[in-house]
């Protein structure tokens, strides 16, 4: 694992220390790692949402669509 030093103003360091104590993190590094992980998750989700918004619409999901799905599921289950 690589070590990284960061500089924080006193107010941010106090906030980090408070979060570590309040949320039960072992160290401030654990807290920062979780923040980075959550940011990565947020970015992945945003990308998926944008990809979905930019994609071509699929077929209509009307009653006939769901009946066909049920029929296929019944056929698969009986095979």
Protein backbone atom coordinates (compact mmCIF):
# COMPACT_ATOMS: atom_id res chain seq x y z
CA UNK A 1 0.00 0.00 0.00
CA UNK A 2 1.25 3.48 -0.85
CA UNK A 3 1.24 6.22 1.77
CA UNK A 4 -0.12 9.65 0.93
CA UNK A 5 0.16 12.74 3.11
CA UNK A 6 -2.51 15.42 2.89
CA UNK A 7 -2.78 18.83 4.49
CA UNK A 8 -6.06 19.89 6.07
CA UNK A 9 -7.10 23.06 7.82
CA UNK A 10 -7.77 22.64 11.53
CA UNK A 11 -11.55 22.69 11.03
CA UNK A 12 -11.47 19.82 8.54
CA UNK A 13 -9.07 17.81 10.68
CA UNK A 14 -11.38 18.27 13.66
CA UNK A 15 -14.29 17.06 11.53
CA UNK A 16 -12.33 13.98 10.40
CA UNK A 17 -11.33 13.19 13.98
CA UNK A 18 -14.96 13.54 15.08
CA UNK A 19 -16.16 11.18 12.34
CA UNK A 20 -13.48 8.63 13.21
CA UNK A 21 -14.56 8.67 16.86
CA UNK A 22 -18.31 8.84 16.26
CA UNK A 23 -18.50 6.22 13.52
CA UNK A 24 -15.98 3.79 14.94
CA UNK A 25 -13.25 3.98 12.31
CA UNK A 26 -9.87 2.70 13.39
CA UNK A 27 -7.98 5.60 11.84
CA UNK A 28 -8.51 8.71 9.77
CA UNK A 29 -7.12 6.72 6.83
CA UNK A 30 -10.01 4.25 7.18
CA UNK A 31 -12.47 7.15 7.03
CA UNK A 32 -10.81 8.70 3.97
CA UNK A 33 -10.68 5.31 2.21
CA UNK A 34 -14.42 4.89 2.77
CA UNK A 35 -15.10 8.39 1.44
CA UNK A 36 -13.10 7.62 -1.69
CA UNK A 37 -14.92 4.31 -2.13
CA UNK A 38 -18.30 6.05 -1.82
CA UNK A 39 -17.23 8.65 -4.37
CA UNK A 40 -16.19 5.89 -6.77
CA UNK A 41 -19.58 4.20 -6.28
CA UNK A 42 -21.36 7.50 -6.90
CA UNK A 43 -19.42 8.09 -10.11
CA UNK A 44 -20.15 4.53 -11.35
CA UNK A 45 -23.86 5.00 -10.63
CA UNK A 46 -23.88 8.38 -12.37
CA UNK A 47 -22.23 6.81 -15.42
CA UNK A 48 -24.83 4.03 -15.50
CA UNK A 49 -27.67 6.56 -15.24
CA UNK A 50 -26.19 8.68 -18.03
CA UNK A 51 -25.59 5.61 -20.20
CA UNK A 52 -29.21 4.59 -19.68
CA UNK A 53 -30.48 8.07 -20.49
CA UNK A 54 -28.44 8.10 -23.71
CA UNK A 55 -29.48 4.60 -24.83
CA UNK A 56 -32.13 3.74 -27.37
CA UNK A 57 -35.50 3.06 -25.73
CA UNK A 58 -36.41 -0.61 -25.50
CA UNK A 59 -39.72 -2.23 -26.35
CA UNK A 60 -42.88 -1.17 -24.58
CA UNK A 61 -43.49 -2.93 -21.29
CA UNK A 62 -47.23 -3.41 -21.71
CA UNK A 63 -49.45 -6.33 -20.66
CA UNK A 64 -48.50 -8.35 -23.75
CA UNK A 65 -44.80 -7.93 -22.97
CA UNK A 66 -45.21 -9.26 -19.43
CA UNK A 67 -47.45 -12.13 -20.59
CA UNK A 68 -44.73 -13.18 -23.06
CA UNK A 69 -42.17 -13.02 -20.25
CA UNK A 70 -44.37 -15.20 -18.02
CA UNK A 71 -44.86 -17.70 -20.87
CA UNK A 72 -41.11 -17.92 -21.45
CA UNK A 73 -40.51 -18.38 -17.72
CA UNK A 74 -43.12 -21.17 -17.57
CA UNK A 75 -41.55 -22.85 -20.60
CA UNK A 76 -38.07 -22.62 -19.09
CA UNK A 77 -39.31 -23.95 -15.73
CA UNK A 78 -41.01 -26.94 -17.38
CA UNK A 79 -37.95 -27.84 -19.51
